[in-house]
Protein backbone atom coordinates (compact mmCIF):
# COMPACT_ATOMS: atom_id res chain seq x y z
CA ALA A 1 -18.52 -23.36 -58.62
CA VAL A 2 -17.18 -20.74 -56.20
CA VAL A 3 -13.68 -22.20 -56.33
CA LEU A 4 -13.74 -21.98 -60.12
CA ASP A 5 -14.98 -18.37 -60.05
CA PRO A 6 -14.31 -16.56 -56.75
CA ARG A 7 -16.29 -13.54 -58.01
CA LEU A 8 -19.44 -15.66 -58.09
CA ARG A 9 -22.04 -14.52 -55.58
CA LEU A 10 -23.23 -17.28 -53.26
CA GLY A 11 -26.84 -16.38 -54.05
CA ASP A 12 -26.14 -17.28 -57.68
CA VAL A 13 -24.88 -20.77 -56.86
CA GLU A 14 -27.42 -23.50 -57.66
CA VAL A 15 -27.28 -25.95 -54.76
CA ALA A 16 -30.15 -28.13 -55.93
CA ASP A 17 -31.20 -29.33 -59.36
CA GLU A 18 -34.72 -28.76 -60.70
CA ASP A 19 -36.06 -32.09 -59.40
CA GLU A 20 -34.80 -31.42 -55.88
CA GLN A 21 -36.10 -27.85 -55.90
CA HIS A 22 -39.54 -29.12 -56.98
CA ARG A 23 -39.50 -31.79 -54.27
CA VAL A 24 -38.61 -29.29 -51.53
CA LEU A 25 -40.72 -26.33 -52.67
CA VAL A 26 -43.79 -28.14 -53.98
CA GLU A 27 -44.05 -31.73 -52.77
CA TRP A 28 -42.71 -31.35 -49.23
CA ASN A 29 -44.33 -27.95 -48.86
CA ASP A 30 -47.83 -29.17 -49.68
CA THR A 31 -49.26 -27.74 -46.48
CA ALA A 32 -52.37 -26.04 -47.79
CA ALA A 33 -55.13 -26.12 -45.23
CA GLU A 34 -58.54 -24.56 -44.97
CA VAL A 35 -58.46 -21.54 -42.71
CA PRO A 36 -61.45 -21.42 -40.40
CA SER A 37 -63.55 -18.31 -40.62
CA GLY A 38 -63.94 -16.04 -37.64
CA SER A 39 -61.56 -14.45 -35.21
CA VAL A 40 -59.04 -16.04 -32.87
CA VAL A 41 -61.30 -15.06 -29.98
CA ALA A 42 -64.28 -16.82 -31.60
CA GLY A 43 -62.15 -19.94 -32.10
CA PHE A 44 -61.06 -19.85 -28.47
CA GLU A 45 -64.66 -19.45 -27.31
CA ALA A 46 -65.71 -22.40 -29.48
CA GLN A 47 -62.97 -24.53 -27.91
CA VAL A 48 -64.21 -23.53 -24.43
CA VAL A 49 -67.67 -24.85 -25.32
CA ARG A 50 -66.31 -27.96 -27.07
CA ALA A 51 -63.87 -29.07 -24.35
CA PRO A 52 -64.00 -26.92 -21.21
CA ASP A 53 -61.92 -29.39 -19.16
CA ALA A 54 -59.13 -29.67 -21.73
CA VAL A 55 -55.78 -28.10 -20.89
CA ALA A 56 -55.53 -24.64 -22.43
CA VAL A 57 -52.24 -23.41 -20.98
CA VAL A 58 -49.25 -24.95 -19.21
CA ALA A 59 -46.82 -22.63 -17.45
CA ASP A 60 -44.25 -23.49 -14.81
CA GLY A 61 -45.78 -26.93 -14.45
CA VAL A 62 -49.28 -25.56 -13.78
CA GLU A 63 -52.08 -26.59 -16.13
CA VAL A 64 -55.10 -24.34 -16.68
CA SER A 65 -58.23 -25.62 -18.40
CA TYR A 66 -60.40 -23.67 -20.80
CA ALA A 67 -63.07 -23.49 -18.10
C-alpha cells in the first residue's frame, strides 16, 4: 500500500483484517479479572497472615520471607 502511494501515512495502513483484529484485541486480550477490594498494604498484610514463611522478596540471591 505504501509503495503504491508514498504519501500514505503508516498509521493509515491496515496491517490486519477484521478477523485478525478481533482475534488480537478481543479473543487474545480476554484478561478480565476481578480486582480485590482493599489497598495494596491490606493485601500484603493478608499474605503475611496466609503464608508467613513464603518468599516475599529475592534480591542479590537473598530470599526474605513475609515474616
